[in-house]
Amino acid sequence: VKRLLDRYSLPDPRMGEGEFANETLQDLYNDLVAQGSVSVRDALMAGAAIEEIDILDLEEYMAQTDKEDILLVYANLLRGSENHLRAFANNLERQRVEYTPQYLSEEEYRSIMEA
């Protein structure tokens, strides 16, 4: 990703470990870290939420470019986020917690879970 940022002269949104230039992103990060620090269940819920947000962001970004190198990276990141979402939801299920999508539509969530 860093190579793409450099190649296309795009700013790096990350300032350091857990520090972001975008205030909205920083607030979301802080909220999810706080939520995930409460318990294992809450950590899994926060992780699933992060993956949902990533999926929506990646889909949006993919629709905004036609650059093959960027699309390839986005597609790989999207597959990874979908895999991670399934893993978080499955781990919650093992704890007898049914995960309900927080950001994705129920239809898109089911499609990912069934893939």
PDB file of N, CA and C in Angstrom:
ATOM      1  N   VAL A   1       0.836  -1.185   0.000  1.00  0.00           N
ATOM      2  CA  VAL A   1       0.000   0.000   0.000  1.00  0.00           C
ATOM      3  C   VAL A   1       0.880   1.248   0.000  1.00  0.00           C
ATOM      4  N   LYS A   2       1.965   1.194   0.769  1.00  0.00           N
ATOM      5  CA  LYS A   2       2.877   2.353   0.827  1.00  0.00           C
ATOM      6  C   LYS A   2       3.423   2.670  -0.556  1.00  0.00           C
ATOM      7  N   ARG A   3       3.741   1.630  -1.347  1.00  0.00           N
ATOM      8  CA  ARG A   3       4.234   1.870  -2.711  1.00  0.00           C
ATOM      9  C   ARG A   3       3.201   2.608  -3.550  1.00  0.00           C
ATOM     10  N   LEU A   4       1.948   2.230  -3.407  1.00  0.00           N
ATOM     11  CA  LEU A   4       0.894   2.906  -4.167  1.00  0.00           C
ATOM     12  C   LEU A   4       0.743   4.355  -3.714  1.00  0.00           C
ATOM     13  N   LEU A   5       0.814   4.575  -2.414  1.00  0.00           N
ATOM     14  CA  LEU A   5       0.746   5.946  -1.905  1.00  0.00           C
ATOM     15  C   LEU A   5       1.867   6.782  -2.504  1.00  0.00           C
ATOM     16  N   ASP A   6       3.059   6.221  -2.540  1.00  0.00           N
ATOM     17  CA  ASP A   6       4.203   6.936  -3.105  1.00  0.00           C
ATOM     18  C   ASP A   6       4.060   7.117  -4.612  1.00  0.00           C
ATOM     19  N   ARG A   7       3.665   6.043  -5.317  1.00  0.00           N
ATOM     20  CA  ARG A   7       3.546   6.083  -6.778  1.00  0.00           C
ATOM     21  C   ARG A   7       2.562   7.163  -7.227  1.00  0.00           C
ATOM     22  N   TYR A   8       1.463   7.300  -6.505  1.00  0.00           N
ATOM     23  CA  TYR A   8       0.434   8.259  -6.917  1.00  0.00           C
ATOM     24  C   TYR A   8       0.447   9.543  -6.073  1.00  0.00           C
ATOM     25  N   SER A   9       1.517   9.737  -5.310  1.00  0.00           N
ATOM     26  CA  SER A   9       1.698  10.946  -4.480  1.00  0.00           C
ATOM     27  C   SER A   9       0.480  11.220  -3.599  1.00  0.00           C
ATOM     28  N   LEU A  10       0.035  10.152  -2.925  1.00  0.00           N
ATOM     29  CA  LEU A  10      -1.105  10.269  -2.021  1.00  0.00           C
ATOM     30  C   LEU A  10      -0.617  10.376  -0.581  1.00  0.00           C
ATOM     31  N   PRO A  11      -1.308  11.141   0.247  1.00  0.00           N
ATOM     32  CA  PRO A  11      -0.875  11.269   1.646  1.00  0.00           C
ATOM     33  C   PRO A  11      -1.140   9.978   2.420  1.00  0.00           C
ATOM     34  N   ASP A  12      -0.248   9.653   3.319  1.00  0.00           N
ATOM     35  CA  ASP A  12      -0.411   8.498   4.197  1.00  0.00           C
ATOM     36  C   ASP A  12      -1.293   8.929   5.363  1.00  0.00           C
ATOM     37  N   PRO A  13      -2.467   8.302   5.537  1.00  0.00           N
ATOM     38  CA  PRO A  13      -3.366   8.732   6.615  1.00  0.00           C
ATOM     39  C   PRO A  13      -2.869   8.357   8.006  1.00  0.00           C
ATOM     40  N   ARG A  14      -1.854   7.518   8.061  1.00  0.00           N
ATOM     41  CA  ARG A  14      -1.334   7.039   9.333  1.00  0.00           C
ATOM     42  C   ARG A  14      -0.172   7.931   9.754  1.00  0.00           C
ATOM     43  N   MET A  15      -0.197   8.361  11.005  1.00  0.00           N
ATOM     44  CA  MET A  15       0.880   9.200  11.511  1.00  0.00           C
ATOM     45  C   MET A  15       1.856   8.378  12.349  1.00  0.00           C
ATOM     46  N   GLY A  16       1.395   7.327  12.935  1.00  0.00           N
ATOM     47  CA  GLY A  16       2.183   6.463  13.789  1.00  0.00           C
ATOM     48  C   GLY A  16       1.294   5.325  14.237  1.00  0.00           C
ATOM     49  N   GLU A  17       1.777   4.497  15.119  1.00  0.00           N
ATOM     50  CA  GLU A  17       0.981   3.371  15.610  1.00  0.00           C
ATOM     51  C   GLU A  17      -0.259   3.890  16.335  1.00  0.00           C
ATOM     52  N   GLY A  18      -1.429   3.647  15.733  1.00  0.00           N
ATOM     53  CA  GLY A  18      -2.682   4.076  16.360  1.00  0.00           C
ATOM     54  C   GLY A  18      -2.939   5.568  16.275  1.00  0.00           C
ATOM     55  N   GLU A  19      -2.224   6.262  15.401  1.00  0.00           N
ATOM     56  CA  GLU A  19      -2.419   7.704  15.238  1.00  0.00           C
ATOM     57  C   GLU A  19      -2.747   8.008  13.786  1.00  0.00           C
ATOM     58  N   PHE A  20      -3.858   8.727  13.582  1.00  0.00           N
ATOM     59  CA  PHE A  20      -4.330   9.010  12.236  1.00  0.00           C
ATOM     60  C   PHE A  20      -4.520  10.515  12.036  1.00  0.00           C
ATOM     61  N   ALA A  21      -4.235  10.988  10.839  1.00  0.00           N
ATOM     62  CA  ALA A  21      -4.401  12.401  10.506  1.00  0.00           C
ATOM     63  C   ALA A  21      -5.877  12.774  10.434  1.00  0.00           C
ATOM     64  N   ASN A  22      -6.724  11.828  10.031  1.00  0.00           N
ATOM     65  CA  ASN A  22      -8.157  12.064   9.900  1.00  0.00           C
ATOM     66  C   ASN A  22      -8.810  11.938  11.273  1.00  0.00           C
ATOM     67  N   GLU A  23      -9.446  13.016  11.732  1.00  0.00           N
ATOM     68  CA  GLU A  23     -10.030  13.033  13.078  1.00  0.00           C
ATOM     69  C   GLU A  23     -11.154  12.012  13.238  1.00  0.00           C
ATOM     70  N   THR A  24     -11.976  11.843  12.226  1.00  0.00           N
ATOM     71  CA  THR A  24     -13.067  10.871  12.278  1.00  0.00           C
ATOM     72  C   THR A  24     -12.508   9.458  12.427  1.00  0.00           C
ATOM     73  N   LEU A  25     -11.471   9.155  11.649  1.00  0.00           N
ATOM     74  CA  LEU A  25     -10.827   7.848  11.724  1.00  0.00           C
ATOM     75  C   LEU A  25     -10.179   7.652  13.093  1.00  0.00           C
ATOM     76  N   GLN A  26      -9.575   8.696  13.621  1.00  0.00           N
ATOM     77  CA  GLN A  26      -8.946   8.619  14.939  1.00  0.00           C
ATOM     78  C   GLN A  26      -9.988   8.338  16.017  1.00  0.00           C
ATOM     79  N   ASP A  27     -11.119   9.043  15.941  1.00  0.00           N
ATOM     80  CA  ASP A  27     -12.188   8.830  16.931  1.00  0.00           C
ATOM     81  C   ASP A  27     -12.726   7.408  16.857  1.00  0.00           C
ATOM     82  N   LEU A  28     -12.935   6.908  15.641  1.00  0.00           N
ATOM     83  CA  LEU A  28     -13.425   5.541  15.466  1.00  0.00           C
ATOM     84  C   LEU A  28     -12.413   4.549  16.024  1.00  0.00           C
ATOM     85  N   TYR A  29     -11.149   4.747  15.728  1.00  0.00           N
ATOM     86  CA  TYR A  29     -10.093   3.881  16.245  1.00  0.00           C
ATOM     87  C   TYR A  29     -10.115   3.866  17.773  1.00  0.00           C
ATOM     88  N   ASN A  30     -10.157   5.054  18.366  1.00  0.00           N
ATOM     89  CA  ASN A  30     -10.160   5.151  19.837  1.00  0.00           C
ATOM     90  C   ASN A  30     -11.371   4.448  20.438  1.00  0.00           C
ATOM     91  N   ASP A  31     -12.542   4.651  19.831  1.00  0.00           N
ATOM     92  CA  ASP A  31     -13.772   4.020  20.338  1.00  0.00           C
ATOM     93  C   ASP A  31     -13.690   2.501  20.261  1.00  0.00           C
ATOM     94  N   LEU A  32     -13.200   1.976  19.134  1.00  0.00           N
ATOM     95  CA  LEU A  32     -13.140   0.527  18.962  1.00  0.00           C
ATOM     96  C   LEU A  32     -12.076  -0.112  19.849  1.00  0.00           C
ATOM     97  N   VAL A  33     -10.964   0.576  20.064  1.00  0.00           N
ATOM     98  CA  VAL A  33      -9.946   0.058  20.981  1.00  0.00           C
ATOM     99  C   VAL A  33     -10.514   0.010  22.395  1.00  0.00           C
ATOM    100  N   ALA A  34     -11.223   1.064  22.791  1.00  0.00           N
ATOM    101  CA  ALA A  34     -11.829   1.081  24.132  1.00  0.00           C
ATOM    102  C   ALA A  34     -12.855  -0.039  24.258  1.00  0.00           C
ATOM    103  N   GLN A  35     -13.707  -0.202  23.243  1.00  0.00           N
ATOM    104  CA  GLN A  35     -14.712  -1.264  23.266  1.00  0.00           C
ATOM    105  C   GLN A  35     -14.047  -2.629  23.351  1.00  0.00           C
ATOM    106  N   GLY A  36     -13.020  -2.837  22.545  1.00  0.00           N
ATOM    107  CA  GLY A  36     -12.356  -4.132  22.493  1.00  0.00           C
ATOM    108  C   GLY A  36     -11.534  -4.467  23.723  1.00  0.00           C
ATOM    109  N   SER A  37     -11.296  -3.494  24.569  1.00  0.00           N
ATOM    110  CA  SER A  37     -10.505  -3.714  25.781  1.00  0.00           C
ATOM    111  C   SER A  37     -11.329  -4.224  26.954  1.00  0.00           C
ATOM    112  N   VAL A  38     -12.650  -4.272  26.806  1.00  0.00           N
ATOM    113  CA  VAL A  38     -13.540  -4.654  27.900  1.00  0.00           C
ATOM    114  C   VAL A  38     -13.509  -6.155  28.158  1.00  0.00           C
ATOM    115  N   SER A  39     -13.629  -6.955  27.106  1.00  0.00           N
ATOM    116  CA  SER A  39     -13.693  -8.407  27.251  1.00  0.00           C
ATOM    117  C   SER A  39     -13.353  -9.058  25.916  1.00  0.00           C
ATOM    118  N   VAL A  40     -13.188 -10.354  25.926  1.00  0.00           N
ATOM    119  CA  VAL A  40     -12.925 -11.086  24.678  1.00  0.00           C
ATOM    120  C   VAL A  40     -14.101 -10.920  23.727  1.00  0.00           C
ATOM    121  N   ARG A  41     -15.311 -11.051  24.252  1.00  0.00           N
ATOM    122  CA  ARG A  41     -16.505 -10.882  23.423  1.00  0.00           C
ATOM    123  C   ARG A  41     -16.520  -9.503  22.776  1.00  0.00           C
ATOM    124  N   ASP A  42     -16.235  -8.480  23.558  1.00  0.00           N
ATOM    125  CA  ASP A  42     -16.230  -7.119  23.023  1.00  0.00           C
ATOM    126  C   ASP A  42     -15.102  -6.908  22.016  1.00  0.00           C
ATOM    127  N   ALA A  43     -13.977  -7.559  22.242  1.00  0.00           N
ATOM    128  CA  ALA A  43     -12.872  -7.477  21.286  1.00  0.00           C
ATOM    129  C   ALA A  43     -13.274  -8.104  19.948  1.00  0.00           C
ATOM    130  N   LEU A  44     -13.960  -9.242  19.998  1.00  0.00           N
ATOM    131  CA  LEU A  44     -14.429  -9.882  18.768  1.00  0.00           C
ATOM    132  C   LEU A  44     -15.469  -9.023  18.067  1.00  0.00           C
ATOM    133  N   MET A  45     -16.346  -8.399  18.824  1.00  0.00           N
ATOM    134  CA  MET A  45     -17.353  -7.502  18.242  1.00  0.00           C
ATOM    135  C   MET A  45     -16.681  -6.301  17.574  1.00  0.00           C
ATOM    136  N   ALA A  46     -15.685  -5.728  18.234  1.00  0.00           N
ATOM    137  CA  ALA A  46     -14.967  -4.586  17.673  1.00  0.00           C
ATOM    138  C   ALA A  46     -14.217  -5.006  16.410  1.00  0.00           C
ATOM    139  N   GLY A  47     -13.600  -6.176  16.444  1.00  0.00           N
ATOM    140  CA  GLY A  47     -12.897  -6.673  15.271  1.00  0.00           C
ATOM    141  C   GLY A  47     -13.827  -6.869  14.086  1.00  0.00           C
ATOM    142  N   ALA A  48     -14.995  -7.431  14.346  1.00  0.00           N
ATOM    143  CA  ALA A  48     -15.974  -7.624  13.274  1.00  0.00           C
ATOM    144  C   ALA A  48     -16.435  -6.277  12.717  1.00  0.00           C
ATOM    145  N   ALA A  49     -16.656  -5.309  13.592  1.00  0.00           N
ATOM    146  CA  ALA A  49     -17.071  -3.980  13.148  1.00  0.00           C
ATOM    147  C   ALA A  49     -16.002  -3.350  12.257  1.00  0.00           C
ATOM    148  N   ILE A  50     -14.742  -3.498  12.644  1.00  0.00           N
ATOM    149  CA  ILE A  50     -13.644  -2.957  11.841  1.00  0.00           C
ATOM    150  C   ILE A  50     -13.662  -3.573  10.447  1.00  0.00           C
ATOM    151  N   GLU A  51     -13.869  -4.877  10.378  1.00  0.00           N
ATOM    152  CA  GLU A  51     -13.888  -5.545   9.073  1.00  0.00           C
ATOM    153  C   GLU A  51     -15.071  -5.079   8.229  1.00  0.00           C
ATOM    154  N   GLU A  52     -16.222  -4.895   8.854  1.00  0.00           N
ATOM    155  CA  GLU A  52     -17.373  -4.377   8.111  1.00  0.00           C
ATOM    156  C   GLU A  52     -17.074  -3.002   7.521  1.00  0.00           C
ATOM    157  N   ILE A  53     -16.503  -2.141   8.334  1.00  0.00           N
ATOM    158  CA  ILE A  53     -16.165  -0.790   7.875  1.00  0.00           C
ATOM    159  C   ILE A  53     -15.151  -0.869   6.744  1.00  0.00           C
ATOM    160  N   ASP A  54     -14.148  -1.735   6.902  1.00  0.00           N
ATOM    161  CA  ASP A  54     -13.142  -1.905   5.848  1.00  0.00           C
ATOM    162  C   ASP A  54     -13.789  -2.360   4.543  1.00  0.00           C
ATOM    163  N   ILE A  55     -14.704  -3.302   4.616  1.00  0.00           N
ATOM    164  CA  ILE A  55     -15.378  -3.815   3.426  1.00  0.00           C
ATOM    165  C   ILE A  55     -16.115  -2.691   2.711  1.00  0.00           C
ATOM    166  N   LEU A  56     -16.878  -1.922   3.459  1.00  0.00           N
ATOM    167  CA  LEU A  56     -17.625  -0.809   2.848  1.00  0.00           C
ATOM    168  C   LEU A  56     -16.686   0.224   2.243  1.00  0.00           C
ATOM    169  N   ASP A  57     -15.616   0.558   2.957  1.00  0.00           N
ATOM    170  CA  ASP A  57     -14.649   1.528   2.431  1.00  0.00           C
ATOM    171  C   ASP A  57     -13.991   1.004   1.158  1.00  0.00           C
ATOM    172  N   LEU A  58     -13.561  -0.256   1.170  1.00  0.00           N
ATOM    173  CA  LEU A  58     -12.898  -0.822  -0.002  1.00  0.00           C
ATOM    174  C   LEU A  58     -13.832  -0.870  -1.207  1.00  0.00           C
ATOM    175  N   GLU A  59     -15.075  -1.233  -0.996  1.00  0.00           N
ATOM    176  CA  GLU A  59     -16.037  -1.248  -2.109  1.00  0.00           C
ATOM    177  C   GLU A  59     -16.214   0.154  -2.687  1.00  0.00           C
ATOM    178  N   GLU A  60     -16.275   1.139  -1.811  1.00  0.00           N
ATOM    179  CA  GLU A  60     -16.409   2.528  -2.266  1.00  0.00           C
ATOM    180  C   GLU A  60     -15.179   2.963  -3.053  1.00  0.00           C
ATOM    181  N   TYR A  61     -13.992   2.656  -2.534  1.00  0.00           N
ATOM    182  CA  TYR A  61     -12.756   3.059  -3.199  1.00  0.00           C
ATOM    183  C   TYR A  61     -12.580   2.334  -4.535  1.00  0.00           C
ATOM    184  N   MET A  62     -13.000   1.077  -4.604  1.00  0.00           N
ATOM    185  CA  MET A  62     -12.887   0.326  -5.860  1.00  0.00           C
ATOM    186  C   MET A  62     -13.736   0.960  -6.960  1.00  0.00           C
ATOM    187  N   ALA A  63     -14.867   1.515  -6.578  1.00  0.00           N
ATOM    188  CA  ALA A  63     -15.757   2.153  -7.549  1.00  0.00           C
ATOM    189  C   ALA A  63     -15.204   3.491  -8.040  1.00  0.00           C
ATOM    190  N   GLN A  64     -14.177   4.006  -7.375  1.00  0.00           N
ATOM    191  CA  GLN A  64     -13.654   5.331  -7.702  1.00  0.00           C
ATOM    192  C   GLN A  64     -12.357   5.303  -8.517  1.00  0.00           C
ATOM    193  N   THR A  65     -11.896   4.114  -8.897  1.00  0.00           N
ATOM    194  CA  THR A  65     -10.654   4.048  -9.662  1.00  0.00           C
ATOM    195  C   THR A  65     -10.755   3.014 -10.770  1.00  0.00           C
ATOM    196  N   ASP A  66      -9.917   3.217 -11.774  1.00  0.00           N
ATOM    197  CA  ASP A  66      -9.787   2.218 -12.833  1.00  0.00           C
ATOM    198  C   ASP A  66      -8.334   1.756 -12.948  1.00  0.00           C
ATOM    199  N   LYS A  67      -7.507   2.141 -12.006  1.00  0.00           N
ATOM    200  CA  LYS A  67      -6.099   1.763 -12.004  1.00  0.00           C
ATOM    201  C   LYS A  67      -5.968   0.310 -11.541  1.00  0.00           C
ATOM    202  N   GLU A  68      -5.437  -0.530 -12.432  1.00  0.00           N
ATOM    203  CA  GLU A  68      -5.374  -1.968 -12.180  1.00  0.00           C
ATOM    204  C   GLU A  68      -4.557  -2.320 -10.946  1.00  0.00           C
ATOM    205  N   ASP A  69      -3.453  -1.619 -10.709  1.00  0.00           N
ATOM    206  CA  ASP A  69      -2.625  -1.952  -9.550  1.00  0.00           C
ATOM    207  C   ASP A  69      -3.356  -1.654  -8.248  1.00  0.00           C
ATOM    208  N   ILE A  70      -4.090  -0.559  -8.230  1.00  0.00           N
ATOM    209  CA  ILE A  70      -4.865  -0.206  -7.035  1.00  0.00           C
ATOM    210  C   ILE A  70      -6.028  -1.178  -6.855  1.00  0.00           C
ATOM    211  N   LEU A  71      -6.719  -1.513  -7.942  1.00  0.00           N
ATOM    212  CA  LEU A  71      -7.836  -2.461  -7.860  1.00  0.00           C
ATOM    213  C   LEU A  71      -7.378  -3.828  -7.355  1.00  0.00           C
ATOM    214  N   LEU A  72      -6.192  -4.257  -7.776  1.00  0.00           N
ATOM    215  CA  LEU A  72      -5.673  -5.541  -7.318  1.00  0.00           C
ATOM    216  C   LEU A  72      -5.434  -5.532  -5.806  1.00  0.00           C
ATOM    217  N   VAL A  73      -4.832  -4.468  -5.309  1.00  0.00           N
ATOM    218  CA  VAL A  73      -4.588  -4.361  -3.867  1.00  0.00           C
ATOM    219  C   VAL A  73      -5.917  -4.288  -3.117  1.00  0.00           C
ATOM    220  N   TYR A  74      -6.841  -3.478  -3.604  1.00  0.00           N
ATOM    221  CA  TYR A  74      -8.155  -3.385  -2.953  1.00  0.00           C
ATOM    222  C   TYR A  74      -8.861  -4.737  -2.933  1.00  0.00           C
ATOM    223  N   ALA A  75      -8.807  -5.469  -4.043  1.00  0.00           N
ATOM    224  CA  ALA A  75      -9.467  -6.785  -4.105  1.00  0.00           C
ATOM    225  C   ALA A  75      -8.857  -7.748  -3.088  1.00  0.00           C
ATOM    226  N   ASN A  76      -7.539  -7.731  -2.958  1.00  0.00           N
ATOM    227  CA  ASN A  76      -6.888  -8.597  -1.970  1.00  0.00           C
ATOM    228  C   ASN A  76      -7.254  -8.191  -0.550  1.00  0.00           C
ATOM    229  N   LEU A  77      -7.282  -6.906  -0.281  1.00  0.00           N
ATOM    230  CA  LEU A  77      -7.674  -6.423   1.042  1.00  0.00           C
ATOM    231  C   LEU A  77      -9.137  -6.769   1.336  1.00  0.00           C
ATOM    232  N   LEU A  78      -9.984  -6.676   0.325  1.00  0.00           N
ATOM    233  CA  LEU A  78     -11.397  -7.007   0.487  1.00  0.00           C
ATOM    234  C   LEU A  78     -11.571  -8.475   0.853  1.00  0.00           C
ATOM    235  N   ARG A  79     -10.872  -9.353   0.154  1.00  0.00           N
ATOM    236  CA  ARG A  79     -10.945 -10.789   0.485  1.00  0.00           C
ATOM    237  C   ARG A  79     -10.471 -11.043   1.911  1.00  0.00           C
ATOM    238  N   GLY A  80      -9.407 -10.369   2.292  1.00  0.00           N
ATOM    239  CA  GLY A  80      -8.902 -10.516   3.653  1.00  0.00           C
ATOM    240  C   GLY A  80      -9.917 -10.054   4.686  1.00  0.00           C
ATOM    241  N   SER A  81     -10.551  -8.920   4.446  1.00  0.00           N
ATOM    242  CA  SER A  81     -11.556  -8.414   5.391  1.00  0.00           C
ATOM    243  C   SER A  81     -12.760  -9.338   5.473  1.00  0.00           C
ATOM    244  N   GLU A  82     -13.168  -9.903   4.344  1.00  0.00           N
ATOM    245  CA  GLU A  82     -14.282 -10.844   4.369  1.00  0.00           C
ATOM    246  C   GLU A  82     -13.907 -12.096   5.165  1.00  0.00           C
ATOM    247  N   ASN A  83     -12.700 -12.585   4.963  1.00  0.00           N
ATOM    248  CA  ASN A  83     -12.231 -13.753   5.735  1.00  0.00           C
ATOM    249  C   ASN A  83     -12.184 -13.431   7.225  1.00  0.00           C
ATOM    250  N   HIS A  84     -11.681 -12.266   7.562  1.00  0.00           N
ATOM    251  CA  HIS A  84     -11.588 -11.872   8.969  1.00  0.00           C
ATOM    252  C   HIS A  84     -12.977 -11.720   9.592  1.00  0.00           C
ATOM    253  N   LEU A  85     -13.912 -11.146   8.840  1.00  0.00           N
ATOM    254  CA  LEU A  85     -15.276 -10.994   9.351  1.00  0.00           C
ATOM    255  C   LEU A  85     -15.874 -12.367   9.659  1.00  0.00           C
ATOM    256  N   ARG A  86     -15.690 -13.319   8.747  1.00  0.00           N
ATOM    257  CA  ARG A  86     -16.184 -14.679   8.994  1.00  0.00           C
ATOM    258  C   ARG A  86     -15.532 -15.265  10.240  1.00  0.00           C
ATOM    259  N   ALA A  87     -14.240 -15.044  10.407  1.00  0.00           N
ATOM    260  CA  ALA A  87     -13.526 -15.585  11.570  1.00  0.00           C
ATOM    261  C   ALA A  87     -14.053 -14.968  12.870  1.00  0.00           C
ATOM    262  N   PHE A  88     -14.245 -13.656  12.891  1.00  0.00           N
ATOM    263  CA  PHE A  88     -14.770 -13.015  14.104  1.00  0.00           C
ATOM    264  C   PHE A  88     -16.169 -13.533  14.418  1.00  0.00           C
ATOM    265  N   ALA A  89     -17.026 -13.610  13.404  1.00  0.00           N
ATOM    266  CA  ALA A  89     -18.402 -14.078  13.619  1.00  0.00           C
ATOM    267  C   ALA A  89     -18.409 -15.528  14.093  1.00  0.00           C
ATOM    268  N   ASN A  90     -17.560 -16.363  13.512  1.00  0.00           N
ATOM    269  CA  ASN A  90     -17.486 -17.773  13.927  1.00  0.00           C
ATOM    270  C   ASN A  90     -16.986 -17.910  15.357  1.00  0.00           C
ATOM    271  N   ASN A  91     -16.018 -17.100  15.740  1.00  0.00           N
ATOM    272  CA  ASN A  91     -15.530 -17.137  17.117  1.00  0.00           C
ATOM    273  C   ASN A  91     -16.594 -16.661  18.095  1.00  0.00           C
ATOM    274  N   LEU A  92     -17.370 -15.679  17.711  1.00  0.00           N
ATOM    275  CA  LEU A  92     -18.481 -15.243  18.564  1.00  0.00           C
ATOM    276  C   LEU A  92     -19.517 -16.358  18.690  1.00  0.00           C
ATOM    277  N   GLU A  93     -19.798 -17.042  17.599  1.00  0.00           N
ATOM    278  CA  GLU A  93     -20.759 -18.139  17.624  1.00  0.00           C
ATOM    279  C   GLU A  93     -20.308 -19.242  18.583  1.00  0.00           C
ATOM    280  N   ARG A  94     -19.007 -19.507  18.617  1.00  0.00           N
ATOM    281  CA  ARG A  94     -18.477 -20.510  19.554  1.00  0.00           C
ATOM    282  C   ARG A  94     -18.707 -20.105  21.005  1.00  0.00           C
ATOM    283  N   GLN A  95     -18.859 -18.809  21.224  1.00  0.00           N
ATOM    284  CA  GLN A  95     -19.153 -18.304  22.567  1.00  0.00           C
ATOM    285  C   GLN A  95     -20.663 -18.130  22.772  1.00  0.00           C
ATOM    286  N   ARG A  96     -21.430 -18.695  21.851  1.00  0.00           N
ATOM    287  CA  ARG A  96     -22.888 -18.624  21.886  1.00  0.00           C
ATOM    288  C   ARG A  96     -23.424 -17.191  21.761  1.00  0.00           C
ATOM    289  N   VAL A  97     -22.734 -16.398  20.940  1.00  0.00           N
ATOM    290  CA  VAL A  97     -23.157 -15.032  20.656  1.00  0.00           C
ATOM    291  C   VAL A  97     -23.421 -14.956  19.159  1.00  0.00           C
ATOM    292  N   GLU A  98     -24.641 -14.609  18.799  1.00  0.00           N
ATOM    293  CA  GLU A  98     -24.961 -14.448  17.382  1.00  0.00           C
ATOM    294  C   GLU A  98     -24.597 -13.033  16.965  1.00  0.00           C
ATOM    295  N   TYR A  99     -23.730 -12.931  15.962  1.00  0.00           N
ATOM    296  CA  TYR A  99     -23.283 -11.621  15.504  1.00  0.00           C
ATOM    297  C   TYR A  99     -24.311 -11.029  14.547  1.00  0.00           C
ATOM    298  N   THR A 100     -24.656  -9.795  14.768  1.00  0.00           N
ATOM    299  CA  THR A 100     -25.544  -9.047  13.890  1.00  0.00           C
ATOM    300  C   THR A 100     -24.724  -7.937  13.246  1.00  0.00           C
ATOM    301  N   PRO A 101     -24.773  -7.818  11.932  1.00  0.00           N
ATOM    302  CA  PRO A 101     -23.951  -6.791  11.282  1.00  0.00           C
ATOM    303  C   PRO A 101     -24.302  -5.397  11.806  1.00  0.00           C
ATOM    304  N   GLN A 102     -23.245  -4.602  11.980  1.00  0.00           N
ATOM    305  CA  GLN A 102     -23.402  -3.260  12.515  1.00  0.00           C
ATOM    306  C   GLN A 102     -23.371  -2.191  11.428  1.00  0.00           C
ATOM    307  N   TYR A 103     -22.737  -2.488  10.284  1.00  0.00           N
ATOM    308  CA  TYR A 103     -22.576  -1.511   9.206  1.00  0.00           C
ATOM    309  C   TYR A 103     -23.044  -2.044   7.854  1.00  0.00           C
ATOM    310  N   LEU A 104     -22.832  -3.321   7.612  1.00  0.00           N
ATOM    311  CA  LEU A 104     -23.268  -3.930   6.353  1.00  0.00           C
ATOM    312  C   LEU A 104     -24.760  -4.204   6.395  1.00  0.00           C
ATOM    313  N   SER A 105     -25.352  -4.289   5.218  1.00  0.00           N
ATOM    314  CA  SER A 105     -26.737  -4.742   5.163  1.00  0.00           C
ATOM    315  C   SER A 105     -26.767  -6.215   5.537  1.00  0.00           C
ATOM    316  N   GLU A 106     -27.912  -6.666   5.991  1.00  0.00           N
ATOM    317  CA  GLU A 106     -28.072  -8.085   6.338  1.00  0.00           C
ATOM    318  C   GLU A 106     -27.793  -8.948   5.109  1.00  0.00           C
ATOM    319  N   GLU A 107     -28.232  -8.486   3.946  1.00  0.00           N
ATOM    320  CA  GLU A 107     -28.038  -9.244   2.707  1.00  0.00           C
ATOM    321  C   GLU A 107     -26.554  -9.380   2.364  1.00  0.00           C
ATOM    322  N   GLU A 108     -25.802  -8.287   2.451  1.00  0.00           N
ATOM    323  CA  GLU A 108     -24.375  -8.363   2.127  1.00  0.00           C
ATOM    324  C   GLU A 108     -23.629  -9.212   3.161  1.00  0.00           C
ATOM    325  N   TYR A 109     -24.006  -9.069   4.425  1.00  0.00           N
ATOM    326  CA  TYR A 109     -23.389  -9.866   5.484  1.00  0.00           C
ATOM    327  C   TYR A 109     -23.625 -11.352   5.228  1.00  0.00           C
ATOM    328  N   ARG A 110     -24.852 -11.746   4.933  1.00  0.00           N
ATOM    329  CA  ARG A 110     -25.183 -13.159   4.683  1.00  0.00           C
ATOM    330  C   ARG A 110     -24.397 -13.681   3.474  1.00  0.00           C
ATOM    331  N   SER A 111     -24.282 -12.852   2.454  1.00  0.00           N
ATOM    332  CA  SER A 111     -23.546 -13.250   1.253  1.00  0.00           C
ATOM    333  C   SER A 111     -22.079 -13.544   1.590  1.00  0.00           C
ATOM    334  N   ILE A 112     -21.485 -12.719   2.430  1.00  0.00           N
ATOM    335  CA  ILE A 112     -20.096 -12.927   2.847  1.00  0.00           C
ATOM    336  C   ILE A 112     -19.978 -14.176   3.700  1.00  0.00           C
ATOM    337  N   MET A 113     -20.891 -14.362   4.609  1.00  0.00           N
ATOM    338  CA  MET A 113     -20.839 -15.507   5.524  1.00  0.00           C
ATOM    339  C   MET A 113     -21.037 -16.825   4.773  1.00  0.00           C
ATOM    340  N   GLU A 114     -21.787 -16.807   3.708  1.00  0.00           N
ATOM    341  CA  GLU A 114     -22.079 -18.037   2.954  1.00  0.00           C
ATOM    342  C   GLU A 114     -21.037 -18.328   1.881  1.00  0.00           C
ATOM    343  N   ALA A 115     -20.139 -17.413   1.641  1.00  0.00           N
ATOM    344  CA  ALA A 115     -19.126 -17.587   0.570  1.00  0.00           C
ATOM    345  C   ALA A 115     -18.092 -18.616   0.977  1.00  0.00           C
TER     346      ALA A 115
END
